[in-house]
Amino acid sequence: MNKKLDPQLLIFAKFMRHTATDAEHLMWQILRAKRFMNLKFRRQHVIEPYIVDFYCHEIGLVIELDGSQHGTDDAMEYDAERTKFLEALGLRVVRYWNNEVLGRTDVVLEDLWQRCTESKNTSP
């Protein structure tokens, strides 16, 4: 039985795809159309009750890009709860700071390559 997704979340996810940060835009150019490790990623994907930045169903990987607003105590607590929820669904969550994506793209991609390889090797 498939549960219908909240239409408001779907509308908001679409809005977020059109208002991407510079870091999200750069990461999407790298991930889209199976350009990265031949994996299919979705952006601003709904996993109720959340919208994740990038998601690869094949290996159960969520990528979150965090701006400075994620550095507050409240935001870190919210992100921890969100990560715990997603991990309880069997997903792996990886987070990168926007400034890392923009300023150290090669380092981020090397780390992501390793995490995707690990996830591919442990996926059923």
N, C-alpha and C. Protein backbone atom coordinates (compact mmCIF):
# COMPACT_ATOMS: atom_id res chain seq x y z
N MET A 1 0.85 -1.17 0.00
CA MET A 1 0.00 0.00 0.00
C MET A 1 0.89 1.23 0.00
N ASN A 2 0.74 2.06 -1.01
CA ASN A 2 1.52 3.29 -1.12
C ASN A 2 0.75 4.44 -0.53
N LYS A 3 1.38 5.12 0.41
CA LYS A 3 0.78 6.30 1.02
C LYS A 3 1.09 7.51 0.15
N LYS A 4 0.07 8.34 -0.10
CA LYS A 4 0.29 9.55 -0.89
C LYS A 4 1.11 10.54 -0.09
N LEU A 5 2.02 11.18 -0.76
CA LEU A 5 2.85 12.20 -0.12
C LEU A 5 2.05 13.48 0.07
N ASP A 6 2.38 14.21 1.10
CA ASP A 6 1.75 15.48 1.40
C ASP A 6 1.95 16.43 0.21
N PRO A 7 0.87 16.89 -0.43
CA PRO A 7 1.01 17.77 -1.59
C PRO A 7 1.75 19.07 -1.28
N GLN A 8 1.61 19.57 -0.07
CA GLN A 8 2.31 20.81 0.32
C GLN A 8 3.82 20.59 0.33
N LEU A 9 4.24 19.42 0.81
CA LEU A 9 5.68 19.10 0.80
C LEU A 9 6.20 19.01 -0.63
N LEU A 10 5.42 18.41 -1.50
CA LEU A 10 5.83 18.29 -2.90
C LEU A 10 5.96 19.67 -3.56
N ILE A 11 5.02 20.55 -3.27
CA ILE A 11 5.08 21.92 -3.81
C ILE A 11 6.30 22.65 -3.27
N PHE A 12 6.56 22.48 -1.96
CA PHE A 12 7.71 23.15 -1.36
C PHE A 12 9.02 22.60 -1.92
N ALA A 13 9.08 21.28 -2.12
CA ALA A 13 10.29 20.67 -2.70
C ALA A 13 10.55 21.24 -4.10
N LYS A 14 9.50 21.39 -4.89
CA LYS A 14 9.65 21.97 -6.23
C LYS A 14 10.16 23.41 -6.13
N PHE A 15 9.61 24.17 -5.20
CA PHE A 15 10.06 25.54 -4.98
C PHE A 15 11.55 25.56 -4.62
N MET A 16 11.96 24.64 -3.74
CA MET A 16 13.35 24.58 -3.30
C MET A 16 14.29 24.22 -4.45
N ARG A 17 13.82 23.40 -5.39
CA ARG A 17 14.65 23.08 -6.56
C ARG A 17 14.91 24.31 -7.41
N HIS A 18 13.98 25.24 -7.40
CA HIS A 18 14.11 26.47 -8.21
C HIS A 18 14.85 27.58 -7.47
N THR A 19 15.10 27.40 -6.18
CA THR A 19 15.77 28.44 -5.38
C THR A 19 17.01 27.86 -4.70
N ALA A 20 17.72 27.02 -5.41
CA ALA A 20 18.89 26.33 -4.85
C ALA A 20 20.00 27.32 -4.48
N THR A 21 20.74 26.96 -3.44
CA THR A 21 21.92 27.74 -3.09
C THR A 21 23.01 27.47 -4.13
N ASP A 22 24.05 28.27 -4.11
CA ASP A 22 25.17 28.06 -5.04
C ASP A 22 25.78 26.67 -4.84
N ALA A 23 25.90 26.25 -3.58
CA ALA A 23 26.48 24.93 -3.29
C ALA A 23 25.58 23.82 -3.81
N GLU A 24 24.26 23.95 -3.62
CA GLU A 24 23.33 22.95 -4.13
C GLU A 24 23.37 22.90 -5.66
N HIS A 25 23.45 24.05 -6.28
CA HIS A 25 23.52 24.10 -7.74
C HIS A 25 24.78 23.39 -8.25
N LEU A 26 25.92 23.68 -7.64
CA LEU A 26 27.17 23.03 -8.04
C LEU A 26 27.09 21.52 -7.83
N MET A 27 26.60 21.10 -6.67
CA MET A 27 26.51 19.66 -6.38
C MET A 27 25.56 18.98 -7.37
N TRP A 28 24.47 19.64 -7.72
CA TRP A 28 23.54 19.05 -8.67
C TRP A 28 24.18 18.89 -10.04
N GLN A 29 25.00 19.83 -10.46
CA GLN A 29 25.68 19.71 -11.75
C GLN A 29 26.61 18.50 -11.75
N ILE A 30 27.13 18.15 -10.61
CA ILE A 30 28.03 17.00 -10.48
C ILE A 30 27.24 15.69 -10.42
N LEU A 31 26.12 15.69 -9.69
CA LEU A 31 25.38 14.46 -9.43
C LEU A 31 24.34 14.10 -10.50
N ARG A 32 23.81 15.08 -11.18
CA ARG A 32 22.66 14.85 -12.06
C ARG A 32 23.01 13.92 -13.22
N ALA A 33 21.97 13.27 -13.74
CA ALA A 33 22.09 12.43 -14.95
C ALA A 33 23.14 11.34 -14.81
N LYS A 34 23.26 10.79 -13.62
CA LYS A 34 24.19 9.68 -13.35
C LYS A 34 25.64 10.02 -13.67
N ARG A 35 26.01 11.29 -13.51
CA ARG A 35 27.38 11.72 -13.80
C ARG A 35 28.37 11.28 -12.73
N PHE A 36 27.88 10.98 -11.54
CA PHE A 36 28.76 10.62 -10.43
C PHE A 36 28.58 9.13 -10.13
N MET A 37 29.58 8.36 -10.46
CA MET A 37 29.61 6.92 -10.18
C MET A 37 28.43 6.17 -10.81
N ASN A 38 27.83 6.75 -11.84
CA ASN A 38 26.68 6.15 -12.51
C ASN A 38 25.50 5.91 -11.56
N LEU A 39 25.40 6.74 -10.53
CA LEU A 39 24.31 6.64 -9.56
C LEU A 39 23.25 7.69 -9.86
N LYS A 40 21.99 7.32 -9.69
CA LYS A 40 20.90 8.26 -9.91
C LYS A 40 20.58 8.98 -8.59
N PHE A 41 20.77 10.28 -8.60
CA PHE A 41 20.44 11.11 -7.44
C PHE A 41 19.21 11.94 -7.76
N ARG A 42 18.41 12.17 -6.75
CA ARG A 42 17.29 13.10 -6.83
C ARG A 42 17.61 14.29 -5.95
N ARG A 43 17.14 15.47 -6.33
CA ARG A 43 17.38 16.64 -5.48
C ARG A 43 16.07 17.12 -4.87
N GLN A 44 16.20 17.68 -3.67
CA GLN A 44 15.04 18.15 -2.92
C GLN A 44 13.95 17.08 -2.95
N HIS A 45 14.32 15.92 -2.44
CA HIS A 45 13.46 14.73 -2.46
C HIS A 45 12.71 14.60 -1.14
N VAL A 46 11.41 14.33 -1.24
CA VAL A 46 10.57 14.20 -0.05
C VAL A 46 10.73 12.81 0.55
N ILE A 47 11.13 12.78 1.81
CA ILE A 47 11.09 11.58 2.65
C ILE A 47 10.34 12.04 3.89
N GLU A 48 9.02 11.88 3.85
CA GLU A 48 8.17 12.49 4.89
C GLU A 48 8.64 12.14 6.28
N PRO A 49 8.63 13.15 7.12
CA PRO A 49 8.10 14.50 6.99
C PRO A 49 9.15 15.52 6.51
N TYR A 50 10.23 15.05 5.91
CA TYR A 50 11.34 15.94 5.54
C TYR A 50 11.52 16.04 4.03
N ILE A 51 12.29 17.03 3.65
CA ILE A 51 12.79 17.16 2.28
C ILE A 51 14.31 17.14 2.39
N VAL A 52 14.94 16.17 1.73
CA VAL A 52 16.39 16.07 1.79
C VAL A 52 16.99 16.72 0.55
N ASP A 53 18.21 17.22 0.68
CA ASP A 53 18.85 17.92 -0.44
C ASP A 53 19.08 17.00 -1.63
N PHE A 54 19.72 15.85 -1.39
CA PHE A 54 20.00 14.89 -2.45
C PHE A 54 19.79 13.49 -1.90
N TYR A 55 19.27 12.60 -2.75
CA TYR A 55 18.97 11.24 -2.32
C TYR A 55 19.26 10.26 -3.44
N CYS A 56 19.96 9.18 -3.09
CA CYS A 56 20.20 8.08 -4.02
C CYS A 56 19.54 6.84 -3.45
N HIS A 57 18.45 6.42 -4.07
CA HIS A 57 17.70 5.25 -3.59
C HIS A 57 18.53 3.97 -3.69
N GLU A 58 19.27 3.84 -4.78
CA GLU A 58 20.04 2.62 -5.05
C GLU A 58 20.95 2.23 -3.88
N ILE A 59 21.58 3.21 -3.25
CA ILE A 59 22.49 2.90 -2.15
C ILE A 59 22.00 3.45 -0.82
N GLY A 60 20.79 4.00 -0.80
CA GLY A 60 20.21 4.49 0.46
C GLY A 60 21.01 5.62 1.08
N LEU A 61 21.42 6.59 0.25
CA LEU A 61 22.28 7.67 0.74
C LEU A 61 21.59 9.01 0.61
N VAL A 62 21.63 9.77 1.69
CA VAL A 62 21.12 11.14 1.74
C VAL A 62 22.31 12.07 1.87
N ILE A 63 22.34 13.12 1.06
CA ILE A 63 23.38 14.15 1.15
C ILE A 63 22.71 15.45 1.55
N GLU A 64 23.18 16.04 2.63
CA GLU A 64 22.66 17.32 3.10
C GLU A 64 23.77 18.36 3.00
N LEU A 65 23.46 19.50 2.43
CA LEU A 65 24.40 20.62 2.35
C LEU A 65 23.93 21.68 3.33
N ASP A 66 24.80 22.06 4.23
CA ASP A 66 24.44 22.96 5.32
C ASP A 66 25.10 24.31 5.18
N GLY A 67 24.30 25.36 5.31
CA GLY A 67 24.81 26.72 5.38
C GLY A 67 25.05 27.11 6.81
N SER A 68 25.43 28.35 7.02
CA SER A 68 25.79 28.83 8.36
C SER A 68 24.63 28.74 9.34
N GLN A 69 23.39 28.77 8.85
CA GLN A 69 22.24 28.69 9.74
C GLN A 69 22.17 27.36 10.47
N HIS A 70 22.87 26.36 9.98
CA HIS A 70 22.89 25.04 10.63
C HIS A 70 23.89 24.98 11.78
N GLY A 71 24.61 26.05 12.03
CA GLY A 71 25.60 26.08 13.10
C GLY A 71 25.06 26.47 14.46
N THR A 72 23.78 26.84 14.54
CA THR A 72 23.20 27.21 15.84
C THR A 72 22.85 25.96 16.63
N ASP A 73 22.73 26.11 17.94
CA ASP A 73 22.38 24.96 18.79
C ASP A 73 21.04 24.36 18.37
N ASP A 74 20.04 25.20 18.14
CA ASP A 74 18.72 24.71 17.76
C ASP A 74 18.78 23.95 16.43
N ALA A 75 19.48 24.50 15.48
CA ALA A 75 19.58 23.85 14.17
C ALA A 75 20.34 22.53 14.27
N MET A 76 21.40 22.49 15.07
CA MET A 76 22.16 21.25 15.22
C MET A 76 21.30 20.18 15.88
N GLU A 77 20.47 20.58 16.84
CA GLU A 77 19.56 19.63 17.50
C GLU A 77 18.53 19.11 16.49
N TYR A 78 17.96 20.01 15.71
CA TYR A 78 16.98 19.62 14.68
C TYR A 78 17.63 18.68 13.66
N ASP A 79 18.83 19.02 13.20
CA ASP A 79 19.54 18.18 12.23
C ASP A 79 19.84 16.80 12.80
N ALA A 80 20.18 16.74 14.09
CA ALA A 80 20.46 15.45 14.73
C ALA A 80 19.19 14.59 14.78
N GLU A 81 18.06 15.20 15.12
CA GLU A 81 16.78 14.47 15.14
C GLU A 81 16.43 13.96 13.74
N ARG A 82 16.62 14.80 12.79
CA ARG A 82 16.33 14.48 11.39
C ARG A 82 17.22 13.32 10.92
N THR A 83 18.50 13.40 11.23
CA THR A 83 19.43 12.34 10.86
C THR A 83 19.04 11.02 11.53
N LYS A 84 18.69 11.08 12.79
CA LYS A 84 18.27 9.88 13.53
C LYS A 84 17.05 9.24 12.87
N PHE A 85 16.08 10.07 12.47
CA PHE A 85 14.88 9.58 11.80
C PHE A 85 15.25 8.88 10.49
N LEU A 86 16.08 9.53 9.68
CA LEU A 86 16.46 8.97 8.39
C LEU A 86 17.27 7.68 8.55
N GLU A 87 18.16 7.66 9.53
CA GLU A 87 18.95 6.45 9.78
C GLU A 87 18.06 5.31 10.26
N ALA A 88 17.00 5.63 10.99
CA ALA A 88 16.05 4.59 11.43
C ALA A 88 15.33 3.95 10.24
N LEU A 89 15.28 4.66 9.13
CA LEU A 89 14.71 4.11 7.89
C LEU A 89 15.73 3.28 7.12
N GLY A 90 16.96 3.20 7.65
CA GLY A 90 18.02 2.44 7.00
C GLY A 90 18.85 3.25 6.03
N LEU A 91 18.71 4.57 6.08
CA LEU A 91 19.46 5.44 5.17
C LEU A 91 20.75 5.91 5.83
N ARG A 92 21.76 6.16 5.00
CA ARG A 92 22.99 6.78 5.48
C ARG A 92 22.91 8.26 5.15
N VAL A 93 23.30 9.09 6.10
CA VAL A 93 23.23 10.54 5.92
C VAL A 93 24.64 11.10 5.99
N VAL A 94 24.99 11.91 4.99
CA VAL A 94 26.28 12.59 4.98
C VAL A 94 26.00 14.08 4.84
N ARG A 95 26.76 14.87 5.59
CA ARG A 95 26.57 16.32 5.59
C ARG A 95 27.87 17.01 5.19
N TYR A 96 27.71 18.04 4.37
CA TYR A 96 28.83 18.90 4.00
C TYR A 96 28.40 20.34 4.18
N TRP A 97 29.34 21.17 4.57
CA TRP A 97 29.08 22.61 4.67
C TRP A 97 29.11 23.21 3.27
N ASN A 98 28.25 24.17 3.03
CA ASN A 98 28.23 24.86 1.73
C ASN A 98 29.60 25.38 1.34
N ASN A 99 30.31 25.99 2.30
CA ASN A 99 31.63 26.56 1.96
C ASN A 99 32.63 25.47 1.57
N GLU A 100 32.47 24.25 2.09
CA GLU A 100 33.33 23.14 1.68
C GLU A 100 33.04 22.76 0.23
N VAL A 101 31.75 22.67 -0.09
CA VAL A 101 31.35 22.30 -1.46
C VAL A 101 31.88 23.32 -2.46
N LEU A 102 31.78 24.58 -2.11
CA LEU A 102 32.21 25.64 -3.02
C LEU A 102 33.72 25.85 -3.06
N GLY A 103 34.39 25.69 -1.91
CA GLY A 103 35.80 26.01 -1.83
C GLY A 103 36.75 24.84 -1.87
N ARG A 104 36.23 23.65 -1.56
CA ARG A 104 37.08 22.46 -1.53
C ARG A 104 36.34 21.30 -2.20
N THR A 105 35.82 21.58 -3.37
CA THR A 105 34.98 20.63 -4.08
C THR A 105 35.67 19.28 -4.25
N ASP A 106 36.95 19.29 -4.58
CA ASP A 106 37.69 18.04 -4.80
C ASP A 106 37.71 17.19 -3.54
N VAL A 107 37.88 17.80 -2.38
CA VAL A 107 37.92 17.07 -1.11
C VAL A 107 36.54 16.47 -0.81
N VAL A 108 35.50 17.27 -1.03
CA VAL A 108 34.13 16.79 -0.80
C VAL A 108 33.83 15.61 -1.72
N LEU A 109 34.19 15.72 -2.98
CA LEU A 109 33.90 14.64 -3.93
C LEU A 109 34.69 13.38 -3.63
N GLU A 110 35.91 13.54 -3.17
CA GLU A 110 36.71 12.37 -2.77
C GLU A 110 36.04 11.66 -1.60
N ASP A 111 35.59 12.43 -0.61
CA ASP A 111 34.89 11.85 0.54
C ASP A 111 33.59 11.19 0.10
N LEU A 112 32.84 11.86 -0.76
CA LEU A 112 31.57 11.31 -1.24
C LEU A 112 31.80 10.04 -2.04
N TRP A 113 32.83 10.02 -2.86
CA TRP A 113 33.18 8.81 -3.63
C TRP A 113 33.40 7.63 -2.69
N GLN A 114 34.16 7.87 -1.64
CA GLN A 114 34.44 6.81 -0.67
C GLN A 114 33.16 6.34 0.01
N ARG A 115 32.31 7.27 0.42
CA ARG A 115 31.06 6.90 1.09
C ARG A 115 30.11 6.16 0.15
N CYS A 116 30.06 6.56 -1.09
CA CYS A 116 29.22 5.86 -2.06
C CYS A 116 29.75 4.46 -2.32
N THR A 117 31.05 4.32 -2.41
CA THR A 117 31.67 3.01 -2.60
C THR A 117 31.34 2.10 -1.42
N GLU A 118 31.45 2.62 -0.20
CA GLU A 118 31.11 1.84 0.99
C GLU A 118 29.64 1.45 0.97
N SER A 119 28.78 2.38 0.60
CA SER A 119 27.34 2.10 0.56
C SER A 119 27.01 1.08 -0.52
N LYS A 120 27.67 1.17 -1.67
CA LYS A 120 27.44 0.20 -2.74
C LYS A 120 27.83 -1.20 -2.27
N ASN A 121 28.91 -1.29 -1.52
CA ASN A 121 29.40 -2.59 -1.06
C ASN A 121 28.56 -3.19 0.05
N THR A 122 27.76 -2.36 0.73
CA THR A 122 26.94 -2.88 1.83
C THR A 122 25.46 -2.89 1.50
N SER A 123 25.08 -2.41 0.31
CA SER A 123 23.67 -2.42 -0.09
C SER A 123 23.25 -3.84 -0.43
N PRO A 124 21.99 -4.18 -0.10
CA PRO A 124 21.51 -5.54 -0.40
C PRO A 124 21.38 -5.80 -1.88
